[in-house]
Amino acid sequence: MSRKSPSRAVYSTDGGRLCHQCHRPVGDCVCKDAAPASQGDGIVRIRRESKGRGGKTVTLIHGVPLASAPLKDLAKKLKQRCGVGGAVKDGVIEIQGDQRDICKAVLEGLGFQVKLAGG
C-alpha cells in the first residue's frame, strides 16, 4: 500500500545538482532570478559604513524583499532621489554617502517597514 510519488531528481551525473523548482542544473537555474534575494524578518535595515572603503561613507540597505530586477529598479530610484551613485551587490543596495534619512523616507513611502541600524 505504498503510494508512488512523482520522481524528483536532485542530482544528475550529466550536470550535477539540480534546482528543486525548475529541475535544471543549479548553474542554469532560471527560477532563482525571479525569487526575492531574502525574506528575512520583513524589516528593511539601513546602516552607514566606512570600513574598508578608504574613508568613504556608504549607506547600505539590507533585507529588501524584492527579486533581482525590481531591486535594481529600486536602487536606481534611490540613487536618483539622493543625487549620488551606488550599486546592488549580493542583494544589498549601496548608496554613496550618508543618505540614511532620504532613503528611509523613500522606502517608507513605498510601504516598506524601515529601521536605522548601527551608529
PDB file of N, CA and C in Angstrom:
ATOM      1  N   MET A   1       0.813  -1.199   0.000  1.00  0.00           N
ATOM      2  CA  MET A   1       0.000   0.000   0.000  1.00  0.00           C
ATOM      3  C   MET A   1       0.853   1.258   0.000  1.00  0.00           C
ATOM      4  N   SER A   2       1.926   1.236  -0.668  1.00  0.00           N
ATOM      5  CA  SER A   2       2.749   2.436  -0.732  1.00  0.00           C
ATOM      6  C   SER A   2       2.328   3.279  -1.930  1.00  0.00           C
ATOM      7  N   ARG A   3       2.323   4.571  -1.678  1.00  0.00           N
ATOM      8  CA  ARG A   3       1.976   5.492  -2.749  1.00  0.00           C
ATOM      9  C   ARG A   3       3.253   5.882  -3.476  1.00  0.00           C
ATOM     10  N   LYS A   4       3.171   5.857  -4.766  1.00  0.00           N
ATOM     11  CA  LYS A   4       4.321   6.300  -5.549  1.00  0.00           C
ATOM     12  C   LYS A   4       4.195   7.792  -5.805  1.00  0.00           C
ATOM     13  N   SER A   5       5.229   8.515  -5.457  1.00  0.00           N
ATOM     14  CA  SER A   5       5.235   9.941  -5.752  1.00  0.00           C
ATOM     15  C   SER A   5       6.013  10.176  -7.029  1.00  0.00           C
ATOM     16  N   PRO A   6       5.727  11.255  -7.712  1.00  0.00           N
ATOM     17  CA  PRO A   6       6.468  11.526  -8.935  1.00  0.00           C
ATOM     18  C   PRO A   6       7.958  11.680  -8.629  1.00  0.00           C
ATOM     19  N   SER A   7       8.779  11.305  -9.558  1.00  0.00           N
ATOM     20  CA  SER A   7      10.225  11.361  -9.381  1.00  0.00           C
ATOM     21  C   SER A   7      10.688  12.802  -9.279  1.00  0.00           C
ATOM     22  N   ARG A   8      11.451  13.092  -8.258  1.00  0.00           N
ATOM     23  CA  ARG A   8      12.011  14.425  -8.075  1.00  0.00           C
ATOM     24  C   ARG A   8      13.514  14.289  -7.970  1.00  0.00           C
ATOM     25  N   ALA A   9      14.180  14.362  -9.091  1.00  0.00           N
ATOM     26  CA  ALA A   9      15.625  14.206  -9.112  1.00  0.00           C
ATOM     27  C   ALA A   9      16.286  15.403  -8.443  1.00  0.00           C
ATOM     28  N   VAL A  10      17.339  15.160  -7.693  1.00  0.00           N
ATOM     29  CA  VAL A  10      18.106  16.223  -7.067  1.00  0.00           C
ATOM     30  C   VAL A  10      19.541  16.249  -7.550  1.00  0.00           C
ATOM     31  N   TYR A  11      19.923  15.229  -8.327  1.00  0.00           N
ATOM     32  CA  TYR A  11      21.283  15.154  -8.836  1.00  0.00           C
ATOM     33  C   TYR A  11      21.269  14.426 -10.173  1.00  0.00           C
ATOM     34  N   SER A  12      22.084  14.884 -11.082  1.00  0.00           N
ATOM     35  CA  SER A  12      22.229  14.237 -12.376  1.00  0.00           C
ATOM     36  C   SER A  12      23.711  14.057 -12.655  1.00  0.00           C
ATOM     37  N   THR A  13      24.085  12.920 -13.184  1.00  0.00           N
ATOM     38  CA  THR A  13      25.501  12.694 -13.480  1.00  0.00           C
ATOM     39  C   THR A  13      25.976  13.590 -14.615  1.00  0.00           C
ATOM     40  N   ASP A  14      25.059  14.097 -15.423  1.00  0.00           N
ATOM     41  CA  ASP A  14      25.438  14.998 -16.518  1.00  0.00           C
ATOM     42  C   ASP A  14      25.758  16.404 -16.023  1.00  0.00           C
ATOM     43  N   GLY A  15      24.924  16.930 -15.136  1.00  0.00           N
ATOM     44  CA  GLY A  15      25.079  18.336 -14.754  1.00  0.00           C
ATOM     45  C   GLY A  15      25.298  18.604 -13.290  1.00  0.00           C
ATOM     46  N   GLY A  16      25.279  17.600 -12.447  1.00  0.00           N
ATOM     47  CA  GLY A  16      25.461  17.820 -11.014  1.00  0.00           C
ATOM     48  C   GLY A  16      24.138  18.096 -10.324  1.00  0.00           C
ATOM     49  N   ARG A  17      24.163  18.940  -9.291  1.00  0.00           N
ATOM     50  CA  ARG A  17      22.956  19.241  -8.520  1.00  0.00           C
ATOM     51  C   ARG A  17      21.915  19.939  -9.376  1.00  0.00           C
ATOM     52  N   LEU A  18      20.644  19.613  -9.122  1.00  0.00           N
ATOM     53  CA  LEU A  18      19.531  20.184  -9.861  1.00  0.00           C
ATOM     54  C   LEU A  18      18.717  21.098  -8.960  1.00  0.00           C
ATOM     55  N   CYS A  19      18.176  22.142  -9.549  1.00  0.00           N
ATOM     56  CA  CYS A  19      17.276  23.042  -8.828  1.00  0.00           C
ATOM     57  C   CYS A  19      15.993  22.277  -8.503  1.00  0.00           C
ATOM     58  N   HIS A  20      15.476  22.461  -7.294  1.00  0.00           N
ATOM     59  CA  HIS A  20      14.275  21.720  -6.896  1.00  0.00           C
ATOM     60  C   HIS A  20      13.002  22.272  -7.515  1.00  0.00           C
ATOM     61  N   GLN A  21      13.051  23.477  -8.119  1.00  0.00           N
ATOM     62  CA  GLN A  21      11.852  24.041  -8.725  1.00  0.00           C
ATOM     63  C   GLN A  21      11.795  23.820 -10.234  1.00  0.00           C
ATOM     64  N   CYS A  22      12.867  24.200 -10.940  1.00  0.00           N
ATOM     65  CA  CYS A  22      12.827  24.104 -12.398  1.00  0.00           C
ATOM     66  C   CYS A  22      13.511  22.851 -12.932  1.00  0.00           C
ATOM     67  N   HIS A  23      14.148  22.065 -12.070  1.00  0.00           N
ATOM     68  CA  HIS A  23      14.787  20.793 -12.409  1.00  0.00           C
ATOM     69  C   HIS A  23      15.882  20.942 -13.466  1.00  0.00           C
ATOM     70  N   ARG A  24      16.566  22.071 -13.451  1.00  0.00           N
ATOM     71  CA  ARG A  24      17.723  22.301 -14.306  1.00  0.00           C
ATOM     72  C   ARG A  24      18.963  22.300 -13.432  1.00  0.00           C
ATOM     73  N   PRO A  25      20.154  22.148 -14.035  1.00  0.00           N
ATOM     74  CA  PRO A  25      21.373  22.250 -13.219  1.00  0.00           C
ATOM     75  C   PRO A  25      21.413  23.600 -12.492  1.00  0.00           C
ATOM     76  N   VAL A  26      21.937  23.627 -11.280  1.00  0.00           N
ATOM     77  CA  VAL A  26      21.918  24.825 -10.445  1.00  0.00           C
ATOM     78  C   VAL A  26      22.541  26.017 -11.168  1.00  0.00           C
ATOM     79  N   GLY A  27      23.583  25.797 -11.954  1.00  0.00           N
ATOM     80  CA  GLY A  27      24.210  26.888 -12.684  1.00  0.00           C
ATOM     81  C   GLY A  27      23.331  27.485 -13.766  1.00  0.00           C
ATOM     82  N   ASP A  28      22.387  26.695 -14.301  1.00  0.00           N
ATOM     83  CA  ASP A  28      21.499  27.146 -15.371  1.00  0.00           C
ATOM     84  C   ASP A  28      20.088  27.437 -14.870  1.00  0.00           C
ATOM     85  N   CYS A  29      19.898  27.521 -13.581  1.00  0.00           N
ATOM     86  CA  CYS A  29      18.579  27.721 -12.991  1.00  0.00           C
ATOM     87  C   CYS A  29      17.972  29.042 -13.460  1.00  0.00           C
ATOM     88  N   VAL A  30      16.702  29.009 -13.849  1.00  0.00           N
ATOM     89  CA  VAL A  30      16.022  30.212 -14.308  1.00  0.00           C
ATOM     90  C   VAL A  30      15.078  30.774 -13.248  1.00  0.00           C
ATOM     91  N   CYS A  31      14.772  30.002 -12.245  1.00  0.00           N
ATOM     92  CA  CYS A  31      13.816  30.468 -11.240  1.00  0.00           C
ATOM     93  C   CYS A  31      14.483  31.273 -10.131  1.00  0.00           C
ATOM     94  N   LYS A  32      15.803  31.206  -9.994  1.00  0.00           N
ATOM     95  CA  LYS A  32      16.459  31.940  -8.905  1.00  0.00           C
ATOM     96  C   LYS A  32      16.416  33.441  -9.123  1.00  0.00           C
ATOM     97  N   ASP A  33      16.337  33.893 -10.392  1.00  0.00           N
ATOM     98  CA  ASP A  33      16.279  35.322 -10.667  1.00  0.00           C
ATOM     99  C   ASP A  33      14.925  35.910 -10.298  1.00  0.00           C
ATOM    100  N   ALA A  34      13.888  35.095 -10.337  1.00  0.00           N
ATOM    101  CA  ALA A  34      12.551  35.577 -10.040  1.00  0.00           C
ATOM    102  C   ALA A  34      12.256  35.580  -8.547  1.00  0.00           C
ATOM    103  N   ALA A  35      13.053  34.862  -7.765  1.00  0.00           N
ATOM    104  CA  ALA A  35      12.809  34.785  -6.324  1.00  0.00           C
ATOM    105  C   ALA A  35      13.455  35.969  -5.614  1.00  0.00           C
ATOM    106  N   PRO A  36      12.862  36.434  -4.523  1.00  0.00           N
ATOM    107  CA  PRO A  36      13.477  37.510  -3.755  1.00  0.00           C
ATOM    108  C   PRO A  36      14.833  37.081  -3.212  1.00  0.00           C
ATOM    109  N   ALA A  37      15.723  38.046  -3.048  1.00  0.00           N
ATOM    110  CA  ALA A  37      17.063  37.741  -2.551  1.00  0.00           C
ATOM    111  C   ALA A  37      16.981  37.171  -1.141  1.00  0.00           C
ATOM    112  N   SER A  38      16.175  37.792  -0.304  1.00  0.00           N
ATOM    113  CA  SER A  38      15.990  37.267   1.041  1.00  0.00           C
ATOM    114  C   SER A  38      14.707  37.828   1.625  1.00  0.00           C
ATOM    115  N   GLN A  39      13.989  37.020   2.356  1.00  0.00           N
ATOM    116  CA  GLN A  39      12.786  37.492   3.017  1.00  0.00           C
ATOM    117  C   GLN A  39      13.125  38.077   4.377  1.00  0.00           C
ATOM    118  N   GLY A  40      13.989  37.392   5.126  1.00  0.00           N
ATOM    119  CA  GLY A  40      14.364  37.874   6.449  1.00  0.00           C
ATOM    120  C   GLY A  40      13.150  38.006   7.344  1.00  0.00           C
ATOM    121  N   ASP A  41      13.142  39.044   8.168  1.00  0.00           N
ATOM    122  CA  ASP A  41      12.024  39.265   9.075  1.00  0.00           C
ATOM    123  C   ASP A  41      11.054  40.321   8.557  1.00  0.00           C
ATOM    124  N   GLY A  42      11.246  40.769   7.318  1.00  0.00           N
ATOM    125  CA  GLY A  42      10.338  41.736   6.720  1.00  0.00           C
ATOM    126  C   GLY A  42      10.680  43.178   7.018  1.00  0.00           C
ATOM    127  N   ILE A  43      11.768  43.416   7.718  1.00  0.00           N
ATOM    128  CA  ILE A  43      12.182  44.773   8.062  1.00  0.00           C
ATOM    129  C   ILE A  43      13.402  45.130   7.228  1.00  0.00           C
ATOM    130  N   VAL A  44      13.331  46.270   6.552  1.00  0.00           N
ATOM    131  CA  VAL A  44      14.457  46.770   5.778  1.00  0.00           C
ATOM    132  C   VAL A  44      15.348  47.568   6.733  1.00  0.00           C
ATOM    133  N   ARG A  45      16.636  47.215   6.744  1.00  0.00           N
ATOM    134  CA  ARG A  45      17.572  47.891   7.650  1.00  0.00           C
ATOM    135  C   ARG A  45      18.546  48.748   6.853  1.00  0.00           C
ATOM    136  N   ILE A  46      18.716  49.972   7.313  1.00  0.00           N
ATOM    137  CA  ILE A  46      19.613  50.920   6.655  1.00  0.00           C
ATOM    138  C   ILE A  46      20.739  51.247   7.626  1.00  0.00           C
ATOM    139  N   ARG A  47      21.988  51.116   7.146  1.00  0.00           N
ATOM    140  CA  ARG A  47      23.115  51.448   8.009  1.00  0.00           C
ATOM    141  C   ARG A  47      24.180  52.184   7.217  1.00  0.00           C
ATOM    142  N   ARG A  48      25.028  52.886   7.948  1.00  0.00           N
ATOM    143  CA  ARG A  48      26.125  53.642   7.363  1.00  0.00           C
ATOM    144  C   ARG A  48      27.408  52.878   7.631  1.00  0.00           C
ATOM    145  N   GLU A  49      28.286  52.817   6.627  1.00  0.00           N
ATOM    146  CA  GLU A  49      29.532  52.077   6.791  1.00  0.00           C
ATOM    147  C   GLU A  49      30.654  52.812   6.074  1.00  0.00           C
ATOM    148  N   SER A  50      31.868  52.761   6.663  1.00  0.00           N
ATOM    149  CA  SER A  50      33.028  53.364   6.010  1.00  0.00           C
ATOM    150  C   SER A  50      34.263  52.469   6.096  1.00  0.00           C
ATOM    151  N   LYS A  51      34.163  51.341   6.776  1.00  0.00           N
ATOM    152  CA  LYS A  51      35.316  50.446   6.912  1.00  0.00           C
ATOM    153  C   LYS A  51      35.684  49.817   5.580  1.00  0.00           C
ATOM    154  N   GLY A  52      36.973  49.791   5.295  1.00  0.00           N
ATOM    155  CA  GLY A  52      37.465  49.139   4.092  1.00  0.00           C
ATOM    156  C   GLY A  52      37.130  49.868   2.812  1.00  0.00           C
ATOM    157  N   ARG A  53      36.759  51.131   2.907  1.00  0.00           N
ATOM    158  CA  ARG A  53      36.369  51.907   1.732  1.00  0.00           C
ATOM    159  C   ARG A  53      37.199  53.177   1.594  1.00  0.00           C
ATOM    160  N   GLY A  54      38.375  53.158   2.184  1.00  0.00           N
ATOM    161  CA  GLY A  54      39.264  54.312   2.072  1.00  0.00           C
ATOM    162  C   GLY A  54      38.705  55.560   2.735  1.00  0.00           C
ATOM    163  N   GLY A  55      37.924  55.390   3.778  1.00  0.00           N
ATOM    164  CA  GLY A  55      37.351  56.531   4.481  1.00  0.00           C
ATOM    165  C   GLY A  55      36.064  57.054   3.880  1.00  0.00           C
ATOM    166  N   LYS A  56      35.662  56.533   2.750  1.00  0.00           N
ATOM    167  CA  LYS A  56      34.425  56.969   2.101  1.00  0.00           C
ATOM    168  C   LYS A  56      33.232  56.325   2.798  1.00  0.00           C
ATOM    169  N   THR A  57      32.191  57.096   2.991  1.00  0.00           N
ATOM    170  CA  THR A  57      30.988  56.603   3.655  1.00  0.00           C
ATOM    171  C   THR A  57      29.982  56.123   2.617  1.00  0.00           C
ATOM    172  N   VAL A  58      29.350  54.984   2.888  1.00  0.00           N
ATOM    173  CA  VAL A  58      28.266  54.484   2.039  1.00  0.00           C
ATOM    174  C   VAL A  58      27.082  54.112   2.925  1.00  0.00           C
ATOM    175  N   THR A  59      25.914  54.152   2.345  1.00  0.00           N
ATOM    176  CA  THR A  59      24.691  53.730   3.009  1.00  0.00           C
ATOM    177  C   THR A  59      24.333  52.352   2.463  1.00  0.00           C
ATOM    178  N   LEU A  60      24.170  51.378   3.358  1.00  0.00           N
ATOM    179  CA  LEU A  60      23.835  50.013   2.962  1.00  0.00           C
ATOM    180  C   LEU A  60      22.386  49.723   3.340  1.00  0.00           C
ATOM    181  N   ILE A  61      21.645  49.150   2.401  1.00  0.00           N
ATOM    182  CA  ILE A  61      20.235  48.826   2.628  1.00  0.00           C
ATOM    183  C   ILE A  61      20.083  47.320   2.497  1.00  0.00           C
ATOM    184  N   HIS A  62      19.767  46.659   3.616  1.00  0.00           N
ATOM    185  CA  HIS A  62      19.654  45.196   3.696  1.00  0.00           C
ATOM    186  C   HIS A  62      18.201  44.785   3.862  1.00  0.00           C
ATOM    187  N   GLY A  63      17.880  43.576   3.398  1.00  0.00           N
ATOM    188  CA  GLY A  63      16.592  42.961   3.709  1.00  0.00           C
ATOM    189  C   GLY A  63      15.429  43.419   2.875  1.00  0.00           C
ATOM    190  N   VAL A  64      15.669  43.983   1.699  1.00  0.00           N
ATOM    191  CA  VAL A  64      14.560  44.387   0.840  1.00  0.00           C
ATOM    192  C   VAL A  64      14.014  43.129   0.156  1.00  0.00           C
ATOM    193  N   PRO A  65      12.754  42.788   0.395  1.00  0.00           N
ATOM    194  CA  PRO A  65      12.205  41.535  -0.146  1.00  0.00           C
ATOM    195  C   PRO A  65      11.763  41.655  -1.598  1.00  0.00           C
ATOM    196  N   LEU A  66      12.731  41.892  -2.487  1.00  0.00           N
ATOM    197  CA  LEU A  66      12.441  42.010  -3.911  1.00  0.00           C
ATOM    198  C   LEU A  66      13.375  41.111  -4.695  1.00  0.00           C
ATOM    199  N   ALA A  67      12.944  40.714  -5.885  1.00  0.00           N
ATOM    200  CA  ALA A  67      13.795  39.928  -6.777  1.00  0.00           C
ATOM    201  C   ALA A  67      14.864  40.838  -7.379  1.00  0.00           C
ATOM    202  N   SER A  68      15.724  40.267  -8.179  1.00  0.00           N
ATOM    203  CA  SER A  68      16.890  40.977  -8.706  1.00  0.00           C
ATOM    204  C   SER A  68      16.522  42.215  -9.536  1.00  0.00           C
ATOM    205  N   ALA A  69      15.655  42.073 -10.515  1.00  0.00           N
ATOM    206  CA  ALA A  69      15.316  43.196 -11.398  1.00  0.00           C
ATOM    207  C   ALA A  69      14.596  44.328 -10.651  1.00  0.00           C
ATOM    208  N   PRO A  70      13.556  44.050  -9.846  1.00  0.00           N
ATOM    209  CA  PRO A  70      12.923  45.136  -9.101  1.00  0.00           C
ATOM    210  C   PRO A  70      13.859  45.782  -8.083  1.00  0.00           C
ATOM    211  N   LEU A  71      14.810  45.011  -7.559  1.00  0.00           N
ATOM    212  CA  LEU A  71      15.776  45.562  -6.610  1.00  0.00           C
ATOM    213  C   LEU A  71      16.671  46.588  -7.308  1.00  0.00           C
ATOM    214  N   LYS A  72      17.068  46.280  -8.534  1.00  0.00           N
ATOM    215  CA  LYS A  72      17.882  47.231  -9.304  1.00  0.00           C
ATOM    216  C   LYS A  72      17.088  48.487  -9.635  1.00  0.00           C
ATOM    217  N   ASP A  73      15.795  48.331  -9.930  1.00  0.00           N
ATOM    218  CA  ASP A  73      14.950  49.495 -10.205  1.00  0.00           C
ATOM    219  C   ASP A  73      14.808  50.369  -8.960  1.00  0.00           C
ATOM    220  N   LEU A  74      14.658  49.727  -7.807  1.00  0.00           N
ATOM    221  CA  LEU A  74      14.569  50.478  -6.551  1.00  0.00           C
ATOM    222  C   LEU A  74      15.877  51.213  -6.280  1.00  0.00           C
ATOM    223  N   ALA A  75      17.001  50.556  -6.519  1.00  0.00           N
ATOM    224  CA  ALA A  75      18.302  51.199  -6.319  1.00  0.00           C
ATOM    225  C   ALA A  75      18.439  52.412  -7.233  1.00  0.00           C
ATOM    226  N   LYS A  76      17.987  52.285  -8.454  1.00  0.00           N
ATOM    227  CA  LYS A  76      18.053  53.408  -9.393  1.00  0.00           C
ATOM    228  C   LYS A  76      17.222  54.578  -8.890  1.00  0.00           C
ATOM    229  N   LYS A  77      16.021  54.271  -8.382  1.00  0.00           N
ATOM    230  CA  LYS A  77      15.145  55.322  -7.855  1.00  0.00           C
ATOM    231  C   LYS A  77      15.802  56.026  -6.659  1.00  0.00           C
ATOM    232  N   LEU A  78      16.416  55.236  -5.765  1.00  0.00           N
ATOM    233  CA  LEU A  78      17.068  55.819  -4.597  1.00  0.00           C
ATOM    234  C   LEU A  78      18.273  56.681  -4.999  1.00  0.00           C
ATOM    235  N   LYS A  79      19.055  56.195  -5.959  1.00  0.00           N
ATOM    236  CA  LYS A  79      20.223  56.958  -6.418  1.00  0.00           C
ATOM    237  C   LYS A  79      19.792  58.284  -7.045  1.00  0.00           C
ATOM    238  N   GLN A  80      18.719  58.262  -7.826  1.00  0.00           N
ATOM    239  CA  GLN A  80      18.231  59.488  -8.444  1.00  0.00           C
ATOM    240  C   GLN A  80      17.708  60.460  -7.394  1.00  0.00           C
ATOM    241  N   ARG A  81      17.002  59.932  -6.417  1.00  0.00           N
ATOM    242  CA  ARG A  81      16.437  60.788  -5.367  1.00  0.00           C
ATOM    243  C   ARG A  81      17.534  61.436  -4.524  1.00  0.00           C
ATOM    244  N   CYS A  82      18.613  60.671  -4.254  1.00  0.00           N
ATOM    245  CA  CYS A  82      19.715  61.196  -3.448  1.00  0.00           C
ATOM    246  C   CYS A  82      20.698  62.008  -4.281  1.00  0.00           C
ATOM    247  N   GLY A  83      20.704  61.812  -5.584  1.00  0.00           N
ATOM    248  CA  GLY A  83      21.626  62.528  -6.451  1.00  0.00           C
ATOM    249  C   GLY A  83      23.050  62.017  -6.351  1.00  0.00           C
ATOM    250  N   VAL A  84      23.207  60.723  -6.105  1.00  0.00           N
ATOM    251  CA  VAL A  84      24.535  60.129  -5.946  1.00  0.00           C
ATOM    252  C   VAL A  84      24.586  58.810  -6.721  1.00  0.00           C
ATOM    253  N   GLY A  85      25.748  58.167  -6.698  1.00  0.00           N
ATOM    254  CA  GLY A  85      25.915  56.873  -7.332  1.00  0.00           C
ATOM    255  C   GLY A  85      25.674  55.752  -6.354  1.00  0.00           C
ATOM    256  N   GLY A  86      25.814  54.542  -6.835  1.00  0.00           N
ATOM    257  CA  GLY A  86      25.634  53.383  -5.974  1.00  0.00           C
ATOM    258  C   GLY A  86      25.615  52.113  -6.800  1.00  0.00           C
ATOM    259  N   ALA A  87      25.303  51.009  -6.128  1.00  0.00           N
ATOM    260  CA  ALA A  87      25.299  49.707  -6.787  1.00  0.00           C
ATOM    261  C   ALA A  87      24.431  48.734  -6.000  1.00  0.00           C
ATOM    262  N   VAL A  88      24.162  47.589  -6.625  1.00  0.00           N
ATOM    263  CA  VAL A  88      23.491  46.475  -5.950  1.00  0.00           C
ATOM    264  C   VAL A  88      24.473  45.314  -5.957  1.00  0.00           C
ATOM    265  N   LYS A  89      24.856  44.842  -4.773  1.00  0.00           N
ATOM    266  CA  LYS A  89      25.796  43.727  -4.650  1.00  0.00           C
ATOM    267  C   LYS A  89      25.227  42.702  -3.681  1.00  0.00           C
ATOM    268  N   ASP A  90      25.045  41.479  -4.149  1.00  0.00           N
ATOM    269  CA  ASP A  90      24.565  40.366  -3.318  1.00  0.00           C
ATOM    270  C   ASP A  90      23.273  40.685  -2.589  1.00  0.00           C
ATOM    271  N   GLY A  91      22.342  41.358  -3.251  1.00  0.00           N
ATOM    272  CA  GLY A  91      21.058  41.672  -2.643  1.00  0.00           C
ATOM    273  C   GLY A  91      21.085  42.842  -1.687  1.00  0.00           C
ATOM    274  N   VAL A  92      22.201  43.564  -1.618  1.00  0.00           N
ATOM    275  CA  VAL A  92      22.348  44.733  -0.753  1.00  0.00           C
ATOM    276  C   VAL A  92      22.517  45.961  -1.633  1.00  0.00           C
ATOM    277  N   ILE A  93      21.723  46.990  -1.367  1.00  0.00           N
ATOM    278  CA  ILE A  93      21.834  48.234  -2.128  1.00  0.00           C
ATOM    279  C   ILE A  93      22.870  49.114  -1.442  1.00  0.00           C
ATOM    280  N   GLU A  94      23.847  49.600  -2.205  1.00  0.00           N
ATOM    281  CA  GLU A  94      24.864  50.514  -1.695  1.00  0.00           C
ATOM    282  C   GLU A  94      24.635  51.876  -2.329  1.00  0.00           C
ATOM    283  N   ILE A  95      24.497  52.899  -1.494  1.00  0.00           N
ATOM    284  CA  ILE A  95      24.318  54.272  -1.951  1.00  0.00           C
ATOM    285  C   ILE A  95      25.496  55.076  -1.417  1.00  0.00           C
ATOM    286  N   GLN A  96      26.131  55.869  -2.276  1.00  0.00           N
ATOM    287  CA  GLN A  96      27.295  56.643  -1.850  1.00  0.00           C
ATOM    288  C   GLN A  96      26.894  57.739  -0.883  1.00  0.00           C
ATOM    289  N   GLY A  97      27.707  57.915   0.160  1.00  0.00           N
ATOM    290  CA  GLY A  97      27.482  58.966   1.145  1.00  0.00           C
ATOM    291  C   GLY A  97      26.518  58.538   2.239  1.00  0.00           C
ATOM    292  N   ASP A  98      26.318  59.428   3.192  1.00  0.00           N
ATOM    293  CA  ASP A  98      25.387  59.170   4.300  1.00  0.00           C
ATOM    294  C   ASP A  98      24.008  59.664   3.882  1.00  0.00           C
ATOM    295  N   GLN A  99      23.210  58.791   3.309  1.00  0.00           N
ATOM    296  CA  GLN A  99      21.898  59.135   2.768  1.00  0.00           C
ATOM    297  C   GLN A  99      20.775  58.417   3.519  1.00  0.00           C
ATOM    298  N   ARG A 100      21.001  58.096   4.790  1.00  0.00           N
ATOM    299  CA  ARG A 100      20.042  57.273   5.533  1.00  0.00           C
ATOM    300  C   ARG A 100      18.670  57.905   5.641  1.00  0.00           C
ATOM    301  N   ASP A 101      18.600  59.193   5.931  1.00  0.00           N
ATOM    302  CA  ASP A 101      17.299  59.841   6.134  1.00  0.00           C
ATOM    303  C   ASP A 101      16.472  59.885   4.850  1.00  0.00           C
ATOM    304  N   ILE A 102      17.119  60.209   3.743  1.00  0.00           N
ATOM    305  CA  ILE A 102      16.410  60.263   2.460  1.00  0.00           C
ATOM    306  C   ILE A 102      15.931  58.871   2.061  1.00  0.00           C
ATOM    307  N   CYS A 103      16.811  57.877   2.188  1.00  0.00           N
ATOM    308  CA  CYS A 103      16.446  56.501   1.821  1.00  0.00           C
ATOM    309  C   CYS A 103      15.310  55.987   2.691  1.00  0.00           C
ATOM    310  N   LYS A 104      15.342  56.324   3.974  1.00  0.00           N
ATOM    311  CA  LYS A 104      14.281  55.880   4.881  1.00  0.00           C
ATOM    312  C   LYS A 104      12.941  56.475   4.462  1.00  0.00           C
ATOM    313  N   ALA A 105      12.932  57.767   4.132  1.00  0.00           N
ATOM    314  CA  ALA A 105      11.690  58.419   3.720  1.00  0.00           C
ATOM    315  C   ALA A 105      11.137  57.804   2.434  1.00  0.00           C
ATOM    316  N   VAL A 106      12.007  57.537   1.466  1.00  0.00           N
ATOM    317  CA  VAL A 106      11.565  56.966   0.194  1.00  0.00           C
ATOM    318  C   VAL A 106      11.018  55.554   0.397  1.00  0.00           C
ATOM    319  N   LEU A 107      11.742  54.729   1.162  1.00  0.00           N
ATOM    320  CA  LEU A 107      11.313  53.347   1.378  1.00  0.00           C
ATOM    321  C   LEU A 107      10.013  53.274   2.170  1.00  0.00           C
ATOM    322  N   GLU A 108       9.849  54.135   3.169  1.00  0.00           N
ATOM    323  CA  GLU A 108       8.594  54.156   3.920  1.00  0.00           C
ATOM    324  C   GLU A 108       7.442  54.612   3.028  1.00  0.00           C
ATOM    325  N   GLY A 109       7.726  55.530   2.115  1.00  0.00           N
ATOM    326  CA  GLY A 109       6.711  55.973   1.154  1.00  0.00           C
ATOM    327  C   GLY A 109       6.268  54.859   0.221  1.00  0.00           C
ATOM    328  N   LEU A 110       7.170  53.898  -0.026  1.00  0.00           N
ATOM    329  CA  LEU A 110       6.839  52.758  -0.872  1.00  0.00           C
ATOM    330  C   LEU A 110       6.198  51.618  -0.090  1.00  0.00           C
ATOM    331  N   GLY A 111       6.033  51.792   1.215  1.00  0.00           N
ATOM    332  CA  GLY A 111       5.317  50.800   2.017  1.00  0.00           C
ATOM    333  C   GLY A 111       6.184  49.802   2.751  1.00  0.00           C
ATOM    334  N   PHE A 112       7.501  49.980   2.769  1.00  0.00           N
ATOM    335  CA  PHE A 112       8.377  49.080   3.497  1.00  0.00           C
ATOM    336  C   PHE A 112       8.480  49.495   4.958  1.00  0.00           C
ATOM    337  N   GLN A 113       8.666  48.523   5.845  1.00  0.00           N
ATOM    338  CA  GLN A 113       8.936  48.813   7.250  1.00  0.00           C
ATOM    339  C   GLN A 113      10.447  48.975   7.380  1.00  0.00           C
ATOM    340  N   VAL A 114      10.898  50.150   7.841  1.00  0.00           N
ATOM    341  CA  VAL A 114      12.316  50.500   7.811  1.00  0.00           C
ATOM    342  C   VAL A 114      12.822  50.801   9.204  1.00  0.00           C
ATOM    343  N   LYS A 115      14.061  50.345   9.478  1.00  0.00           N
ATOM    344  CA  LYS A 115      14.744  50.671  10.726  1.00  0.00           C
ATOM    345  C   LYS A 115      16.160  51.134  10.389  1.00  0.00           C
ATOM    346  N   LEU A 116      16.617  52.132  11.130  1.00  0.00           N
ATOM    347  CA  LEU A 116      18.001  52.568  11.009  1.00  0.00           C
ATOM    348  C   LEU A 116      18.822  51.681  11.931  1.00  0.00           C
ATOM    349  N   ALA A 117      19.852  51.027  11.376  1.00  0.00           N
ATOM    350  CA  ALA A 117      20.668  50.106  12.154  1.00  0.00           C
ATOM    351  C   ALA A 117      22.070  50.685  12.301  1.00  0.00           C
ATOM    352  N   GLY A 118      22.746  50.291  13.352  1.00  0.00           N
ATOM    353  CA  GLY A 118      24.114  50.729  13.565  1.00  0.00           C
ATOM    354  C   GLY A 118      24.194  52.150  14.099  1.00  0.00           C
ATOM    355  N   GLY A 119      25.383  52.740  13.984  1.00  0.00           N
ATOM    356  CA  GLY A 119      25.621  54.052  14.585  1.00  0.00           C
ATOM    357  C   GLY A 119      25.630  55.158  13.680  1.00  0.00           C
TER     358      GLY A 119
END
